N, C-alpha and C. Protein backbone atom coordinates (compact mmCIF):
# COMPACT_ATOMS: atom_id res chain seq x y z
N MET A 1 125.61 15.20 219.38
CA MET A 1 124.41 15.77 218.30
C MET A 1 124.07 14.53 217.12
N THR A 2 123.12 14.22 218.14
CA THR A 2 122.17 13.11 217.13
C THR A 2 121.44 13.70 215.84
N PRO A 3 121.45 12.98 214.36
CA PRO A 3 120.70 13.72 213.75
C PRO A 3 119.76 13.97 213.57
N THR A 4 118.75 13.47 214.61
CA THR A 4 117.24 13.89 215.16
C THR A 4 117.49 15.28 215.87
N GLU A 5 118.50 14.96 216.48
CA GLU A 5 118.46 16.68 217.39
C GLU A 5 118.92 17.50 216.12
N SER A 6 119.60 17.40 215.08
CA SER A 6 120.53 18.45 214.71
C SER A 6 118.98 18.73 213.78
N LEU A 7 118.53 18.35 213.00
CA LEU A 7 117.18 18.31 212.48
C LEU A 7 116.07 18.98 213.39
N ILE A 8 116.15 19.29 214.41
CA ILE A 8 115.02 19.68 215.12
C ILE A 8 115.75 21.08 215.55
N GLN A 9 117.24 21.15 216.13
CA GLN A 9 117.50 22.27 216.78
C GLN A 9 117.85 23.45 214.89
N HIS A 10 118.19 23.05 213.69
CA HIS A 10 118.46 23.19 212.85
C HIS A 10 117.21 23.19 211.84
N TRP A 11 116.04 23.68 211.90
CA TRP A 11 115.41 23.28 211.21
C TRP A 11 114.81 24.49 209.96
N TRP A 12 115.36 25.50 210.73
CA TRP A 12 115.34 26.76 209.93
C TRP A 12 116.11 26.47 208.42
N PHE A 13 117.00 25.19 208.47
CA PHE A 13 118.53 25.15 207.60
C PHE A 13 118.13 24.30 206.53
N HIS A 14 117.27 23.05 207.45
CA HIS A 14 117.12 21.66 207.03
C HIS A 14 116.09 22.09 206.22
N ILE A 15 114.92 22.52 206.41
CA ILE A 15 113.43 22.23 205.69
C ILE A 15 113.51 22.55 204.42
N PRO A 16 114.18 24.23 204.54
CA PRO A 16 114.08 24.73 203.11
C PRO A 16 114.86 24.25 201.92
N ASN A 17 116.26 23.59 202.70
CA ASN A 17 117.51 22.79 201.91
C ASN A 17 116.98 21.68 201.17
N LEU A 18 115.66 20.66 202.03
CA LEU A 18 114.93 19.45 201.81
C LEU A 18 114.24 19.80 200.58
N LEU A 19 113.84 21.19 200.72
CA LEU A 19 112.26 21.37 199.87
C LEU A 19 112.69 21.88 198.43
N LEU A 20 114.23 21.95 198.44
CA LEU A 20 115.06 22.78 197.38
C LEU A 20 115.52 21.43 196.69
N ALA A 21 116.08 20.32 197.78
CA ALA A 21 116.26 19.08 196.92
C ALA A 21 115.28 18.26 196.03
N ALA A 22 114.07 18.47 196.88
CA ALA A 22 113.19 17.58 196.40
C ALA A 22 112.59 18.07 195.05
N MET A 23 112.58 19.59 195.02
CA MET A 23 111.91 19.72 193.63
C MET A 23 113.38 19.89 193.08
N ILE A 24 114.51 19.66 193.58
CA ILE A 24 115.27 19.31 191.61
C ILE A 24 115.13 18.06 191.44
N TYR A 25 114.90 17.09 192.51
CA TYR A 25 114.93 15.64 191.89
C TYR A 25 113.66 15.48 191.05
N THR A 26 112.32 16.47 191.54
CA THR A 26 111.54 16.39 190.95
C THR A 26 111.36 16.57 189.40
N VAL A 27 111.95 18.35 189.18
CA VAL A 27 112.62 18.33 187.87
C VAL A 27 113.17 17.64 186.84
N ILE A 28 113.83 16.91 187.42
CA ILE A 28 114.33 15.59 186.41
C ILE A 28 114.11 14.60 186.66
N GLY A 29 113.04 14.16 187.23
CA GLY A 29 112.77 13.14 186.83
C GLY A 29 111.50 13.38 185.79
N ARG A 30 110.81 14.50 185.92
CA ARG A 30 109.82 15.41 184.99
C ARG A 30 110.61 14.81 183.10
N TYR A 31 111.93 15.37 183.21
CA TYR A 31 112.46 15.92 182.42
C TYR A 31 112.56 14.29 181.79
N ILE A 32 113.42 13.34 182.21
CA ILE A 32 113.28 12.05 181.88
C ILE A 32 112.03 11.27 181.10
N LEU A 33 111.07 11.43 182.54
CA LEU A 33 110.16 11.25 182.34
C LEU A 33 109.12 11.65 180.55
N GLU A 34 109.19 13.07 180.42
CA GLU A 34 109.04 13.67 178.88
C GLU A 34 109.81 12.91 178.11
N LEU A 35 110.61 12.53 178.47
CA LEU A 35 112.05 12.34 176.89
C LEU A 35 111.43 10.79 176.62
N VAL A 36 110.92 10.11 177.89
CA VAL A 36 110.72 8.68 177.55
C VAL A 36 109.15 8.68 177.00
N PHE A 37 108.42 9.46 177.32
CA PHE A 37 106.96 9.07 177.31
C PHE A 37 106.36 10.29 176.23
N GLY A 38 106.97 11.36 175.69
CA GLY A 38 106.89 12.18 174.26
C GLY A 38 105.78 13.39 175.32
N ASP A 39 104.90 13.28 174.36
CA ASP A 39 103.33 14.04 174.57
C ASP A 39 102.32 13.03 175.11
N LYS A 40 102.55 11.63 175.17
CA LYS A 40 101.44 10.95 175.67
C LYS A 40 100.42 11.24 177.07
N ASP A 41 99.69 11.00 177.39
CA ASP A 41 98.58 11.42 178.34
C ASP A 41 99.37 10.36 179.81
N VAL A 42 100.21 10.45 180.15
CA VAL A 42 100.04 9.26 181.14
C VAL A 42 100.02 9.81 182.57
N VAL A 43 99.68 8.77 183.69
CA VAL A 43 99.32 9.55 185.02
C VAL A 43 100.64 10.23 185.00
N ILE A 44 101.87 9.42 185.43
CA ILE A 44 102.96 9.96 186.11
C ILE A 44 103.67 10.75 185.55
N VAL A 45 103.44 11.11 184.80
CA VAL A 45 103.73 12.02 183.70
C VAL A 45 103.19 13.83 184.25
N ASN A 46 101.54 13.04 183.77
CA ASN A 46 100.67 14.49 185.17
C ASN A 46 101.08 14.84 186.02
N VAL A 47 100.88 13.99 187.18
CA VAL A 47 101.88 14.22 188.28
C VAL A 47 103.01 15.08 188.28
N PHE A 48 104.11 14.52 187.87
CA PHE A 48 105.03 15.40 188.03
C PHE A 48 104.98 16.98 187.28
N ARG A 49 104.21 17.17 186.28
CA ARG A 49 103.57 18.30 186.02
C ARG A 49 103.20 19.21 186.43
N SER A 50 102.12 18.76 187.48
CA SER A 50 101.49 19.38 188.05
C SER A 50 102.18 19.70 189.17
N VAL A 51 103.19 18.86 189.82
CA VAL A 51 103.76 19.40 191.16
C VAL A 51 104.90 20.16 190.65
N THR A 52 105.86 20.58 189.27
CA THR A 52 106.42 21.39 188.42
C THR A 52 106.60 22.45 188.36
N ASP A 53 105.33 22.51 187.53
CA ASP A 53 104.74 23.41 186.86
C ASP A 53 105.02 25.08 187.17
N PRO A 54 104.31 25.36 188.42
CA PRO A 54 104.39 26.35 188.70
C PRO A 54 106.02 27.01 188.71
N VAL A 55 107.18 26.30 189.02
CA VAL A 55 108.19 26.42 189.44
C VAL A 55 108.62 27.05 187.82
N ILE A 56 108.51 25.85 187.29
CA ILE A 56 108.90 26.16 185.31
C ILE A 56 108.42 27.65 184.83
N LYS A 57 107.22 27.67 185.57
CA LYS A 57 106.24 28.59 184.91
C LYS A 57 107.08 29.92 185.02
N LEU A 58 107.32 30.53 186.65
CA LEU A 58 108.70 31.51 187.29
C LEU A 58 110.14 31.41 185.98
N VAL A 59 110.53 30.17 186.12
CA VAL A 59 111.64 30.55 185.10
C VAL A 59 111.14 30.98 183.95
N ARG A 60 110.24 30.15 183.21
CA ARG A 60 109.63 30.73 182.02
C ARG A 60 109.27 32.32 181.61
N LEU A 61 108.63 33.23 182.68
CA LEU A 61 108.73 34.79 183.18
C LEU A 61 110.12 35.07 182.93
N ILE A 62 110.93 34.36 182.79
CA ILE A 62 112.45 35.12 183.20
C ILE A 62 113.54 34.84 181.89
N THR A 63 113.11 33.58 181.31
CA THR A 63 113.64 33.12 180.01
C THR A 63 113.20 34.10 178.99
N PRO A 64 113.96 33.99 178.01
CA PRO A 64 113.21 34.97 176.85
C PRO A 64 112.39 34.12 175.68
N ALA A 65 111.36 34.22 175.10
CA ALA A 65 110.71 33.36 174.17
C ALA A 65 111.46 32.33 173.16
N VAL A 66 112.09 32.69 172.79
CA VAL A 66 112.95 31.80 171.84
C VAL A 66 113.65 30.71 172.54
N VAL A 67 113.88 30.70 173.55
CA VAL A 67 114.28 29.33 174.58
C VAL A 67 112.98 28.30 174.20
N PRO A 68 112.97 27.10 173.45
CA PRO A 68 112.25 26.17 173.61
C PRO A 68 111.84 25.80 175.11
N ASN A 69 111.02 24.89 175.70
CA ASN A 69 109.67 24.58 176.21
C ASN A 69 111.48 23.21 177.43
N GLY A 70 111.94 22.60 176.74
CA GLY A 70 112.83 21.54 176.82
C GLY A 70 113.96 22.35 177.78
N VAL A 71 114.39 23.31 177.14
CA VAL A 71 115.78 24.21 177.47
C VAL A 71 115.30 24.94 178.81
N VAL A 72 113.73 25.50 178.88
CA VAL A 72 113.53 26.03 179.87
C VAL A 72 113.84 25.60 181.32
N ILE A 73 113.16 23.67 181.28
CA ILE A 73 113.79 22.75 182.53
C ILE A 73 115.05 22.94 182.67
N VAL A 74 115.93 22.75 182.12
CA VAL A 74 117.50 22.54 182.30
C VAL A 74 117.57 24.44 182.87
N PHE A 75 116.87 25.31 182.36
CA PHE A 75 117.28 26.40 183.36
C PHE A 75 116.58 26.30 184.75
N THR A 76 115.42 25.67 184.54
CA THR A 76 115.15 25.51 185.93
C THR A 76 115.69 24.76 187.16
N LEU A 77 116.85 23.49 186.35
CA LEU A 77 117.74 23.11 187.53
C LEU A 77 118.71 23.91 187.69
N MET A 78 118.95 24.70 187.15
CA MET A 78 120.35 25.35 187.51
C MET A 78 119.69 26.67 187.81
N TRP A 79 119.09 27.29 187.94
CA TRP A 79 118.06 28.25 189.27
C TRP A 79 117.83 27.63 190.63
N LEU A 80 117.20 26.22 190.35
CA LEU A 80 117.29 25.60 191.67
C LEU A 80 118.46 25.38 192.50
N MET A 81 119.47 24.80 191.50
CA MET A 81 120.76 24.25 192.21
C MET A 81 121.32 25.88 192.54
N ALA A 82 121.11 26.67 192.02
CA ALA A 82 121.86 28.17 192.75
C ALA A 82 121.36 28.61 193.71
N ALA A 83 119.92 28.81 193.65
CA ALA A 83 119.18 28.88 195.02
C ALA A 83 119.73 27.78 196.13
N ARG A 84 119.63 27.17 196.20
CA ARG A 84 120.25 25.78 197.08
C ARG A 84 121.63 26.20 197.93
N MET A 85 122.09 26.60 196.40
CA MET A 85 124.07 26.83 197.00
C MET A 85 123.58 28.22 197.79
N LEU A 86 122.86 29.11 197.05
CA LEU A 86 122.98 30.32 197.88
C LEU A 86 122.62 30.68 199.10
N TRP A 87 121.71 29.35 199.56
CA TRP A 87 120.56 29.24 200.80
C TRP A 87 121.34 28.42 201.54
N PHE A 88 123.08 28.10 201.61
CA PHE A 88 124.03 27.05 202.17
C PHE A 88 124.72 28.33 202.05
N LEU A 89 125.44 29.21 201.36
CA LEU A 89 126.51 30.10 201.29
C LEU A 89 125.42 31.03 202.68
N THR A 90 124.56 31.29 202.20
CA THR A 90 124.10 32.63 202.91
C THR A 90 123.77 32.24 204.43
N ALA A 91 123.97 30.70 204.94
CA ALA A 91 123.67 30.12 206.49
C ALA A 91 124.83 30.12 206.60
N VAL A 92 126.20 29.67 206.10
CA VAL A 92 127.68 29.61 206.28
C VAL A 92 127.28 31.03 206.75
N ALA A 93 127.42 31.98 205.85
CA ALA A 93 127.93 33.37 205.83
C ALA A 93 127.63 34.49 207.26
N ALA A 94 126.15 33.63 207.91
CA ALA A 94 125.60 34.51 208.64
C ALA A 94 125.78 33.30 210.31
N GLY A 95 126.79 32.35 209.58
CA GLY A 95 126.95 31.78 210.96
C GLY A 95 126.43 30.71 211.28
N MET A 96 125.29 30.44 210.79
CA MET A 96 123.69 29.85 211.23
C MET A 96 124.30 28.46 210.58
N SER A 97 125.52 27.74 210.04
CA SER A 97 124.84 26.23 209.43
C SER A 97 125.63 25.44 210.47
N PRO A 98 124.71 23.81 210.86
CA PRO A 98 124.88 23.00 211.63
C PRO A 98 126.12 22.65 211.26
N SER A 99 127.31 22.37 212.45
CA SER A 99 128.58 21.85 212.84
C SER A 99 128.02 20.64 212.39
N VAL A 100 129.10 19.65 211.61
CA VAL A 100 129.47 18.54 211.54
C VAL A 100 130.18 18.01 212.31
N GLY A 101 129.85 16.45 213.29
CA GLY A 101 130.46 15.88 213.94
C GLY A 101 130.32 16.15 215.32
N VAL A 102 131.20 15.96 216.33
CA VAL A 102 130.87 16.27 217.84
C VAL A 102 131.35 17.42 218.24
């Protein structure tokens, strides 16, 4: 089975997995850019903020108000990684994960 056939046949597994991975890397990028640029109004930081703000706001709802915003971003990373692992384990437990190899 070629990688293209695997992606087409197991789209229900790969698409959510890729979206979660992309959001994880985007949150990491936002964290690094905010460390570099701080509170400056830079276009690339604004783009990363607009993409990641909905997810960070969801995590902020369940995080105590005492926790600073910089740490909420770290909690967001942890929740996204946990969601990705949960998705993988759910697919494996249900016998739906794609096989590796021939």
